[in-house]
Full PDB file with SEQRES, HELIX, SHEET, SSBOND, CRYST1, ORIGX, SCALE, CONECT and MASTER records, all heavy atoms in Angstrom:
SEQRES   1 A   37  LEU SER SER LEU ALA GLN CYS LEU ASP VAL LEU SER THR          
SEQRES   2 A   37  ARG PHE GLN ALA ASP CYS LEU ILE TYR LEU ALA GLY ALA          
SEQRES   3 A   37  ASP PRO HIS GLU ASP ASP ARG LEU GLY ARG LEU                  
HELIX    1 AA1 SER A    2  ARG A   14  1                                  13    
CRYST1    1.000    1.000    1.000  90.00  90.00  90.00 P 1           1          
ORIGX1      1.000000  0.000000  0.000000        0.00000                         
ORIGX2      0.000000  1.000000  0.000000        0.00000                         
ORIGX3      0.000000  0.000000  1.000000        0.00000                         
SCALE1      1.000000  0.000000  0.000000        0.00000                         
SCALE2      0.000000  1.000000  0.000000        0.00000                         
SCALE3      0.000000  0.000000  1.000000        0.00000                         
ATOM      1  N   LEU A   1     156.765  84.683 151.466  1.00  0.00           N  
ATOM      2  CA  LEU A   1     155.435  85.095 150.989  1.00  0.00           C  
ATOM      3  C   LEU A   1     154.705  85.974 152.000  1.00  0.00           C  
ATOM      4  O   LEU A   1     154.008  86.919 151.616  1.00  0.00           O  
ATOM      5  CB  LEU A   1     154.607  83.862 150.629  1.00  0.00           C  
ATOM      6  CG  LEU A   1     155.166  83.068 149.430  1.00  0.00           C  
ATOM      7  CD1 LEU A   1     154.520  81.692 149.339  1.00  0.00           C  
ATOM      8  CD2 LEU A   1     154.986  83.839 148.123  1.00  0.00           C  
ATOM      9  N   SER A   2     154.882  85.685 153.295  1.00  0.00           N  
ATOM     10  CA  SER A   2     154.229  86.546 154.294  1.00  0.00           C  
ATOM     11  C   SER A   2     154.905  87.920 154.318  1.00  0.00           C  
ATOM     12  O   SER A   2     154.223  88.953 154.470  1.00  0.00           O  
ATOM     13  CB  SER A   2     154.227  85.901 155.687  1.00  0.00           C  
ATOM     14  OG  SER A   2     155.543  85.736 156.158  1.00  0.00           O  
ATOM     15  N   SER A   3     156.212  87.955 154.115  1.00  0.00           N  
ATOM     16  CA  SER A   3     156.934  89.238 154.050  1.00  0.00           C  
ATOM     17  C   SER A   3     156.460  90.058 152.854  1.00  0.00           C  
ATOM     18  O   SER A   3     156.236  91.276 152.955  1.00  0.00           O  
ATOM     19  CB  SER A   3     158.446  88.998 153.919  1.00  0.00           C  
ATOM     20  OG  SER A   3     158.928  88.273 155.017  1.00  0.00           O  
ATOM     21  N   LEU A   4     156.282  89.380 151.721  1.00  0.00           N  
ATOM     22  CA  LEU A   4     155.807  90.060 150.512  1.00  0.00           C  
ATOM     23  C   LEU A   4     154.403  90.634 150.729  1.00  0.00           C  
ATOM     24  O   LEU A   4     154.134  91.792 150.381  1.00  0.00           O  
ATOM     25  CB  LEU A   4     155.821  89.083 149.330  1.00  0.00           C  
ATOM     26  CG  LEU A   4     155.170  89.576 148.026  1.00  0.00           C  
ATOM     27  CD1 LEU A   4     155.846  90.848 147.510  1.00  0.00           C  
ATOM     28  CD2 LEU A   4     155.225  88.469 146.961  1.00  0.00           C  
ATOM     29  N   ALA A   5     153.522  89.832 151.325  1.00  0.00           N  
ATOM     30  CA  ALA A   5     152.145  90.284 151.566  1.00  0.00           C  
ATOM     31  C   ALA A   5     152.140  91.542 152.444  1.00  0.00           C  
ATOM     32  O   ALA A   5     151.414  92.511 152.166  1.00  0.00           O  
ATOM     33  CB  ALA A   5     151.335  89.175 152.226  1.00  0.00           C  
ATOM     34  N   GLN A   6     152.975  91.541 153.476  1.00  0.00           N  
ATOM     35  CA  GLN A   6     153.052  92.704 154.372  1.00  0.00           C  
ATOM     36  C   GLN A   6     153.555  93.933 153.619  1.00  0.00           C  
ATOM     37  O   GLN A   6     153.020  95.041 153.769  1.00  0.00           O  
ATOM     38  CB  GLN A   6     153.973  92.408 155.558  1.00  0.00           C  
ATOM     39  CG  GLN A   6     153.363  91.443 156.559  1.00  0.00           C  
ATOM     40  CD  GLN A   6     154.387  90.947 157.580  1.00  0.00           C  
ATOM     41  OE1 GLN A   6     155.567  91.266 157.513  1.00  0.00           O  
ATOM     42  NE2 GLN A   6     153.917  90.149 158.533  1.00  0.00           N  
ATOM     43  N   CYS A   7     154.576  93.732 152.786  1.00  0.00           N  
ATOM     44  CA  CYS A   7     155.153  94.866 152.045  1.00  0.00           C  
ATOM     45  C   CYS A   7     154.161  95.429 151.027  1.00  0.00           C  
ATOM     46  O   CYS A   7     154.081  96.649 150.849  1.00  0.00           O  
ATOM     47  CB  CYS A   7     156.441  94.449 151.349  1.00  0.00           C  
ATOM     48  SG  CYS A   7     157.834  94.256 152.482  1.00  0.00           S  
ATOM     49  N   LEU A   8     153.401  94.561 150.365  1.00  0.00           N  
ATOM     50  CA  LEU A   8     152.406  95.043 149.406  1.00  0.00           C  
ATOM     51  C   LEU A   8     151.307  95.832 150.122  1.00  0.00           C  
ATOM     52  O   LEU A   8     150.805  96.837 149.601  1.00  0.00           O  
ATOM     53  CB  LEU A   8     151.814  93.873 148.608  1.00  0.00           C  
ATOM     54  CG  LEU A   8     152.767  93.189 147.625  1.00  0.00           C  
ATOM     55  CD1 LEU A   8     152.109  91.958 147.005  1.00  0.00           C  
ATOM     56  CD2 LEU A   8     153.243  94.145 146.533  1.00  0.00           C  
ATOM     57  N   ASP A   9     150.957  95.387 151.342  1.00  0.00           N  
ATOM     58  CA  ASP A   9     149.976  96.138 152.153  1.00  0.00           C  
ATOM     59  C   ASP A   9     150.512  97.532 152.495  1.00  0.00           C  
ATOM     60  O   ASP A   9     149.796  98.527 152.391  1.00  0.00           O  
ATOM     61  CB  ASP A   9     149.655  95.387 153.456  1.00  0.00           C  
ATOM     62  CG  ASP A   9     148.705  94.215 153.227  1.00  0.00           C  
ATOM     63  OD1 ASP A   9     148.106  94.139 152.132  1.00  0.00           O  
ATOM     64  OD2 ASP A   9     148.591  93.365 154.140  1.00  0.00           O  
ATOM     65  N   VAL A  10     151.777  97.582 152.903  1.00  0.00           N  
ATOM     66  CA  VAL A  10     152.389  98.871 153.251  1.00  0.00           C  
ATOM     67  C   VAL A  10     152.435  99.780 152.016  1.00  0.00           C  
ATOM     68  O   VAL A  10     152.107 100.971 152.089  1.00  0.00           O  
ATOM     69  CB  VAL A  10     153.806  98.668 153.823  1.00  0.00           C  
ATOM     70  CG1 VAL A  10     154.521 100.009 154.001  1.00  0.00           C  
ATOM     71  CG2 VAL A  10     153.755  97.925 155.158  1.00  0.00           C  
ATOM     72  N   LEU A  11     152.821  99.192 150.889  1.00  0.00           N  
ATOM     73  CA  LEU A  11     152.866  99.962 149.638  1.00  0.00           C  
ATOM     74  C   LEU A  11     151.517 100.614 149.359  1.00  0.00           C  
ATOM     75  O   LEU A  11     151.438 101.819 149.076  1.00  0.00           O  
ATOM     76  CB  LEU A  11     153.280  99.040 148.478  1.00  0.00           C  
ATOM     77  CG  LEU A  11     153.073  99.576 147.055  1.00  0.00           C  
ATOM     78  CD1 LEU A  11     153.904 100.834 146.813  1.00  0.00           C  
ATOM     79  CD2 LEU A  11     153.421  98.514 146.016  1.00  0.00           C  
ATOM     80  N   SER A  12     150.444  99.824 149.461  1.00  0.00           N  
ATOM     81  CA  SER A  12     149.135 100.363 149.081  1.00  0.00           C  
ATOM     82  C   SER A  12     148.611 101.387 150.090  1.00  0.00           C  
ATOM     83  O   SER A  12     147.830 102.259 149.723  1.00  0.00           O  
ATOM     84  CB  SER A  12     148.115  99.239 148.858  1.00  0.00           C  
ATOM     85  OG  SER A  12     147.998  98.450 149.995  1.00  0.00           O  
ATOM     86  N   THR A  13     149.067 101.325 151.335  1.00  0.00           N  
ATOM     87  CA  THR A  13     148.629 102.343 152.300  1.00  0.00           C  
ATOM     88  C   THR A  13     149.461 103.625 152.169  1.00  0.00           C  
ATOM     89  O   THR A  13     148.959 104.719 152.424  1.00  0.00           O  
ATOM     90  CB  THR A  13     148.713 101.840 153.757  1.00  0.00           C  
ATOM     91  OG1 THR A  13     150.045 101.397 154.028  1.00  0.00           O  
ATOM     92  CG2 THR A  13     147.743 100.716 154.018  1.00  0.00           C  
ATOM     93  N   ARG A  14     150.722 103.479 151.743  1.00  0.00           N  
ATOM     94  CA  ARG A  14     151.601 104.651 151.702  1.00  0.00           C  
ATOM     95  C   ARG A  14     151.624 105.365 150.349  1.00  0.00           C  
ATOM     96  O   ARG A  14     152.086 106.507 150.252  1.00  0.00           O  
ATOM     97  CB  ARG A  14     153.032 104.236 152.068  1.00  0.00           C  
ATOM     98  CG  ARG A  14     153.231 104.055 153.559  1.00  0.00           C  
ATOM     99  CD  ARG A  14     154.626 103.630 153.937  1.00  0.00           C  
ATOM    100  NE  ARG A  14     155.681 104.405 153.286  1.00  0.00           N  
ATOM    101  CZ  ARG A  14     156.964 104.049 153.302  1.00  0.00           C  
ATOM    102  NH1 ARG A  14     157.336 102.951 153.931  1.00  0.00           N  
ATOM    103  NH2 ARG A  14     157.853 104.781 152.699  1.00  0.00           N  
ATOM    104  N   PHE A  15     151.159 104.687 149.283  1.00  0.00           N  
ATOM    105  CA  PHE A  15     151.381 105.234 147.938  1.00  0.00           C  
ATOM    106  C   PHE A  15     150.246 104.814 147.018  1.00  0.00           C  
ATOM    107  O   PHE A  15     149.882 103.642 146.976  1.00  0.00           O  
ATOM    108  CB  PHE A  15     152.717 104.692 147.410  1.00  0.00           C  
ATOM    109  CG  PHE A  15     153.201 105.305 146.125  1.00  0.00           C  
ATOM    110  CD1 PHE A  15     153.807 106.552 146.109  1.00  0.00           C  
ATOM    111  CD2 PHE A  15     153.068 104.620 144.919  1.00  0.00           C  
ATOM    112  CE1 PHE A  15     154.277 107.109 144.929  1.00  0.00           C  
ATOM    113  CE2 PHE A  15     153.527 105.161 143.727  1.00  0.00           C  
ATOM    114  CZ  PHE A  15     154.138 106.416 143.733  1.00  0.00           C  
ATOM    115  N   GLN A  16     149.684 105.760 146.289  1.00  0.00           N  
ATOM    116  CA  GLN A  16     148.613 105.435 145.346  1.00  0.00           C  
ATOM    117  C   GLN A  16     149.199 105.321 143.944  1.00  0.00           C  
ATOM    118  O   GLN A  16     149.237 106.300 143.205  1.00  0.00           O  
ATOM    119  CB  GLN A  16     147.515 106.513 145.398  1.00  0.00           C  
ATOM    120  CG  GLN A  16     146.727 106.546 146.708  1.00  0.00           C  
ATOM    121  CD  GLN A  16     146.186 105.179 147.112  1.00  0.00           C  
ATOM    122  OE1 GLN A  16     146.564 104.617 148.133  1.00  0.00           O  
ATOM    123  NE2 GLN A  16     145.311 104.620 146.280  1.00  0.00           N  
ATOM    124  N   ALA A  17     149.647 104.141 143.587  1.00  0.00           N  
ATOM    125  CA  ALA A  17     150.299 103.940 142.286  1.00  0.00           C  
ATOM    126  C   ALA A  17     149.272 103.936 141.157  1.00  0.00           C  
ATOM    127  O   ALA A  17     148.123 103.517 141.341  1.00  0.00           O  
ATOM    128  CB  ALA A  17     151.059 102.621 142.283  1.00  0.00           C  
ATOM    129  N   ASP A  18     149.709 104.402 140.003  1.00  0.00           N  
ATOM    130  CA  ASP A  18     148.919 104.282 138.767  1.00  0.00           C  
ATOM    131  C   ASP A  18     149.389 103.105 137.926  1.00  0.00           C  
ATOM    132  O   ASP A  18     148.657 102.601 137.079  1.00  0.00           O  
ATOM    133  CB  ASP A  18     149.034 105.563 137.935  1.00  0.00           C  
ATOM    134  CG  ASP A  18     148.483 106.771 138.666  1.00  0.00           C  
ATOM    135  OD1 ASP A  18     147.316 106.708 139.092  1.00  0.00           O  
ATOM    136  OD2 ASP A  18     149.224 107.770 138.821  1.00  0.00           O  
ATOM    137  N   CYS A  19     150.629 102.693 138.121  1.00  0.00           N  
ATOM    138  CA  CYS A  19     151.142 101.502 137.427  1.00  0.00           C  
ATOM    139  C   CYS A  19     152.364 100.963 138.161  1.00  0.00           C  
ATOM    140  O   CYS A  19     152.936 101.634 139.029  1.00  0.00           O  
ATOM    141  CB  CYS A  19     151.452 101.802 135.966  1.00  0.00           C  
ATOM    142  SG  CYS A  19     152.638 103.100 135.727  1.00  0.00           S  
ATOM    143  N   LEU A  20     152.718  99.719 137.823  1.00  0.00           N  
ATOM    144  CA  LEU A  20     153.818  99.022 138.488  1.00  0.00           C  
ATOM    145  C   LEU A  20     154.896  98.619 137.480  1.00  0.00           C  
ATOM    146  O   LEU A  20     154.588  98.245 136.353  1.00  0.00           O  
ATOM    147  CB  LEU A  20     153.312  97.737 139.162  1.00  0.00           C  
ATOM    148  CG  LEU A  20     152.163  97.841 140.152  1.00  0.00           C  
ATOM    149  CD1 LEU A  20     151.800  96.454 140.672  1.00  0.00           C  
ATOM    150  CD2 LEU A  20     152.527  98.757 141.313  1.00  0.00           C  
ATOM    151  N   ILE A  21     156.138  98.674 137.932  1.00  0.00           N  
ATOM    152  CA  ILE A  21     157.246  98.029 137.227  1.00  0.00           C  
ATOM    153  C   ILE A  21     157.721  96.924 138.164  1.00  0.00           C  
ATOM    154  O   ILE A  21     158.058  97.181 139.328  1.00  0.00           O  
ATOM    155  CB  ILE A  21     158.365  99.027 136.902  1.00  0.00           C  
ATOM    156  CG1 ILE A  21     157.855 100.078 135.901  1.00  0.00           C  
ATOM    157  CG2 ILE A  21     159.587  98.304 136.346  1.00  0.00           C  
ATOM    158  CD1 ILE A  21     158.830 101.209 135.609  1.00  0.00           C  
ATOM    159  N   TYR A  22     157.706  95.690 137.675  1.00  0.00           N  
ATOM    160  CA  TYR A  22     157.985  94.512 138.513  1.00  0.00           C  
ATOM    161  C   TYR A  22     159.254  93.815 138.040  1.00  0.00           C  
ATOM    162  O   TYR A  22     159.328  93.366 136.905  1.00  0.00           O  
ATOM    163  CB  TYR A  22     156.780  93.568 138.447  1.00  0.00           C  
ATOM    164  CG  TYR A  22     156.977  92.209 139.117  1.00  0.00           C  
ATOM    165  CD1 TYR A  22     157.739  92.081 140.274  1.00  0.00           C  
ATOM    166  CD2 TYR A  22     156.373  91.071 138.595  1.00  0.00           C  
ATOM    167  CE1 TYR A  22     157.907  90.843 140.876  1.00  0.00           C  
ATOM    168  CE2 TYR A  22     156.528  89.832 139.196  1.00  0.00           C  
ATOM    169  CZ  TYR A  22     157.308  89.715 140.343  1.00  0.00           C  
ATOM    170  OH  TYR A  22     157.472  88.487 140.940  1.00  0.00           O  
ATOM    171  N   LEU A  23     160.245  93.736 138.927  1.00  0.00           N  
ATOM    172  CA  LEU A  23     161.484  93.003 138.636  1.00  0.00           C  
ATOM    173  C   LEU A  23     161.343  91.608 139.224  1.00  0.00           C  
ATOM    174  O   LEU A  23     161.387  91.422 140.444  1.00  0.00           O  
ATOM    175  CB  LEU A  23     162.697  93.714 139.254  1.00  0.00           C  
ATOM    176  CG  LEU A  23     163.186  94.988 138.553  1.00  0.00           C  
ATOM    177  CD1 LEU A  23     162.213  96.137 138.785  1.00  0.00           C  
ATOM    178  CD2 LEU A  23     164.573  95.380 139.053  1.00  0.00           C  
ATOM    179  N   ALA A  24     161.135  90.629 138.328  1.00  0.00           N  
ATOM    180  CA  ALA A  24     160.819  89.264 138.765  1.00  0.00           C  
ATOM    181  C   ALA A  24     162.079  88.393 138.754  1.00  0.00           C  
ATOM    182  O   ALA A  24     162.168  87.422 138.012  1.00  0.00           O  
ATOM    183  CB  ALA A  24     159.746  88.677 137.846  1.00  0.00           C  
ATOM    184  N   GLY A  25     163.048  88.738 139.569  1.00  0.00           N  
ATOM    185  CA  GLY A  25     164.291  87.956 139.614  1.00  0.00           C  
ATOM    186  C   GLY A  25     164.032  86.485 139.900  1.00  0.00           C  
ATOM    187  O   GLY A  25     163.175  86.151 140.721  1.00  0.00           O  
ATOM    188  N   ALA A  26     164.777  85.608 139.218  1.00  0.00           N  
ATOM    189  CA  ALA A  26     164.667  84.167 139.486  1.00  0.00           C  
ATOM    190  C   ALA A  26     165.588  83.754 140.633  1.00  0.00           C  
ATOM    191  O   ALA A  26     165.569  82.600 141.065  1.00  0.00           O  
ATOM    192  CB  ALA A  26     165.013  83.378 138.220  1.00  0.00           C  
ATOM    193  N   ASP A  27     166.385  84.689 141.130  1.00  0.00           N  
ATOM    194  CA  ASP A  27     167.453  84.320 142.070  1.00  0.00           C  
ATOM    195  C   ASP A  27     167.057  84.119 143.535  1.00  0.00           C  
ATOM    196  O   ASP A  27     167.882  83.636 144.310  1.00  0.00           O  
ATOM    197  CB  ASP A  27     168.660  85.273 141.945  1.00  0.00           C  
ATOM    198  CG  ASP A  27     168.280  86.728 141.783  1.00  0.00           C  
ATOM    199  OD1 ASP A  27     167.107  87.068 142.017  1.00  0.00           O  
ATOM    200  OD2 ASP A  27     169.166  87.526 141.419  1.00  0.00           O  
ATOM    201  N   PRO A  28     165.804  84.409 143.975  1.00  0.00           N  
ATOM    202  CA  PRO A  28     165.433  83.919 145.309  1.00  0.00           C  
ATOM    203  C   PRO A  28     165.238  82.393 145.346  1.00  0.00           C  
ATOM    204  O   PRO A  28     165.129  81.808 146.427  1.00  0.00           O  
ATOM    205  CB  PRO A  28     164.100  84.628 145.604  1.00  0.00           C  
ATOM    206  CG  PRO A  28     164.088  85.830 144.713  1.00  0.00           C  
ATOM    207  CD  PRO A  28     164.806  85.385 143.470  1.00  0.00           C  
ATOM    208  N   HIS A  29     165.220  81.749 144.178  1.00  0.00           N  
ATOM    209  CA  HIS A  29     164.982  80.306 144.100  1.00  0.00           C  
ATOM    210  C   HIS A  29     166.077  79.518 144.819  1.00  0.00           C  
ATOM    211  O   HIS A  29     167.253  79.890 144.788  1.00  0.00           O  
ATOM    212  CB  HIS A  29     164.908  79.883 142.623  1.00  0.00           C  
ATOM    213  CG  HIS A  29     164.566  78.447 142.423  1.00  0.00           C  
ATOM    214  ND1 HIS A  29     165.368  77.578 141.724  1.00  0.00           N  
ATOM    215  CD2 HIS A  29     163.510  77.701 142.861  1.00  0.00           C  
ATOM    216  CE1 HIS A  29     164.809  76.375 141.716  1.00  0.00           C  
ATOM    217  NE2 HIS A  29     163.687  76.426 142.405  1.00  0.00           N  
ATOM    218  N   GLU A  30     165.685  78.419 145.431  1.00  0.00           N  
ATOM    219  CA  GLU A  30     166.610  77.609 146.242  1.00  0.00           C  
ATOM    220  C   GLU A  30     167.787  77.053 145.439  1.00  0.00           C  
ATOM    221  O   GLU A  30     168.833  76.723 146.006  1.00  0.00           O  
ATOM    222  CB  GLU A  30     165.850  76.459 146.917  1.00  0.00           C  
ATOM    223  CG  GLU A  30     165.160  75.526 145.940  1.00  0.00           C  
ATOM    224  CD  GLU A  30     164.158  74.581 146.607  1.00  0.00           C  
ATOM    225  OE1 GLU A  30     164.099  74.580 147.849  1.00  0.00           O  
ATOM    226  OE2 GLU A  30     163.454  73.860 145.893  1.00  0.00           O  
ATOM    227  N   ASP A  31     167.659  76.959 144.110  1.00  0.00           N  
ATOM    228  CA  ASP A  31     168.715  76.380 143.284  1.00  0.00           C  
ATOM    229  C   ASP A  31     169.701  77.424 142.765  1.00  0.00           C  
ATOM    230  O   ASP A  31     170.608  77.100 142.004  1.00  0.00           O  
ATOM    231  CB  ASP A  31     168.067  75.628 142.101  1.00  0.00           C  
ATOM    232  CG  ASP A  31     169.050  74.699 141.407  1.00  0.00           C  
ATOM    233  OD1 ASP A  31     169.809  74.019 142.119  1.00  0.00           O  
ATOM    234  OD2 ASP A  31     169.075  74.666 140.154  1.00  0.00           O  
ATOM    235  N   ASP A  32     169.512  78.696 143.167  1.00  0.00           N  
ATOM    236  CA  ASP A  32     170.382  79.749 142.628  1.00  0.00           C  
ATOM    237  C   ASP A  32     171.754  79.734 143.301  1.00  0.00           C  
ATOM    238  O   ASP A  32     171.850  79.602 144.522  1.00  0.00           O  
ATOM    239  CB  ASP A  32     169.709  81.112 142.823  1.00  0.00           C  
ATOM    240  CG  ASP A  32     170.322  82.170 141.929  1.00  0.00           C  
ATOM    241  OD1 ASP A  32     169.877  82.315 140.774  1.00  0.00           O  
ATOM    242  OD2 ASP A  32     171.272  82.838 142.392  1.00  0.00           O  
ATOM    243  N   ARG A  33     172.788  79.899 142.498  1.00  0.00           N  
ATOM    244  CA  ARG A  33     174.167  79.874 143.018  1.00  0.00           C  
ATOM    245  C   ARG A  33     174.467  81.077 143.906  1.00  0.00           C  
ATOM    246  O   ARG A  33     175.294  81.003 144.811  1.00  0.00           O  
ATOM    247  CB  ARG A  33     175.171  79.898 141.861  1.00  0.00           C  
ATOM    248  CG  ARG A  33     175.398  78.574 141.172  1.00  0.00           C  
ATOM    249  CD  ARG A  33     176.447  78.707 140.079  1.00  0.00           C  
ATOM    250  NE  ARG A  33     175.978  79.582 139.011  1.00  0.00           N  
ATOM    251  CZ  ARG A  33     176.674  80.603 138.507  1.00  0.00           C  
ATOM    252  NH1 ARG A  33     177.862  80.901 138.985  1.00  0.00           N  
ATOM    253  NH2 ARG A  33     176.180  81.329 137.532  1.00  0.00           N  
ATOM    254  N   LEU A  34     173.835  82.225 143.598  1.00  0.00           N  
ATOM    255  CA  LEU A  34     174.170  83.466 144.303  1.00  0.00           C  
ATOM    256  C   LEU A  34     173.081  83.918 145.275  1.00  0.00           C  
ATOM    257  O   LEU A  34     173.258  84.888 146.001  1.00  0.00           O  
ATOM    258  CB  LEU A  34     174.419  84.593 143.279  1.00  0.00           C  
ATOM    259  CG  LEU A  34     175.449  84.315 142.180  1.00  0.00           C  
ATOM    260  CD1 LEU A  34     175.586  85.525 141.259  1.00  0.00           C  
ATOM    261  CD2 LEU A  34     176.804  83.953 142.772  1.00  0.00           C  
ATOM    262  N   GLY A  35     171.959  83.199 145.313  1.00  0.00           N  
ATOM    263  CA  GLY A  35     170.779  83.729 146.005  1.00  0.00           C  
ATOM    264  C   GLY A  35     170.758  83.590 147.512  1.00  0.00           C  
ATOM    265  O   GLY A  35     170.281  84.465 148.214  1.00  0.00           O  
ATOM    266  N   ARG A  36     171.184  82.442 148.024  1.00  0.00           N  
ATOM    267  CA  ARG A  36     171.230  82.166 149.471  1.00  0.00           C  
ATOM    268  C   ARG A  36     169.873  81.985 150.134  1.00  0.00           C  
ATOM    269  O   ARG A  36     169.795  81.760 151.335  1.00  0.00           O  
ATOM    270  CB  ARG A  36     171.983  83.271 150.242  1.00  0.00           C  
ATOM    271  CG  ARG A  36     173.421  83.475 149.798  1.00  0.00           C  
ATOM    272  CD  ARG A  36     174.092  84.389 150.789  1.00  0.00           C  
ATOM    273  NE  ARG A  36     175.392  84.809 150.348  1.00  0.00           N  
ATOM    274  CZ  ARG A  36     176.126  85.716 150.972  1.00  0.00           C  
ATOM    275  NH1 ARG A  36     175.665  86.290 152.068  1.00  0.00           N  
ATOM    276  NH2 ARG A  36     177.302  86.048 150.523  1.00  0.00           N  
ATOM    277  N   LEU A  37     168.768  82.135 149.386  1.00  0.00           N  
ATOM    278  CA  LEU A  37     167.444  81.909 149.964  1.00  0.00           C  
ATOM    279  C   LEU A  37     166.977  80.504 149.608  1.00  0.00           C  
ATOM    280  O   LEU A  37     167.617  79.810 148.825  1.00  0.00           O  
ATOM    281  CB  LEU A  37     166.439  82.954 149.471  1.00  0.00           C  
ATOM    282  CG  LEU A  37     166.806  84.419 149.716  1.00  0.00           C  
ATOM    283  CD1 LEU A  37     165.646  85.334 149.319  1.00  0.00           C  
ATOM    284  CD2 LEU A  37     167.221  84.687 151.155  1.00  0.00           C  
TER     285      LEU A  37                                                      
MASTER        0    0    0    1    0    0    0    6  284    1    0    3          
END                                                                             
């Protein structure tokens, strides 16, 4: 979550988006077979 917050801050300083496309993968979850996170 702290990594995400930092990246969103960088995004907003480097790029003025008009809209977002968000890929909400379920695979960072601890129960994922392939995720490792």
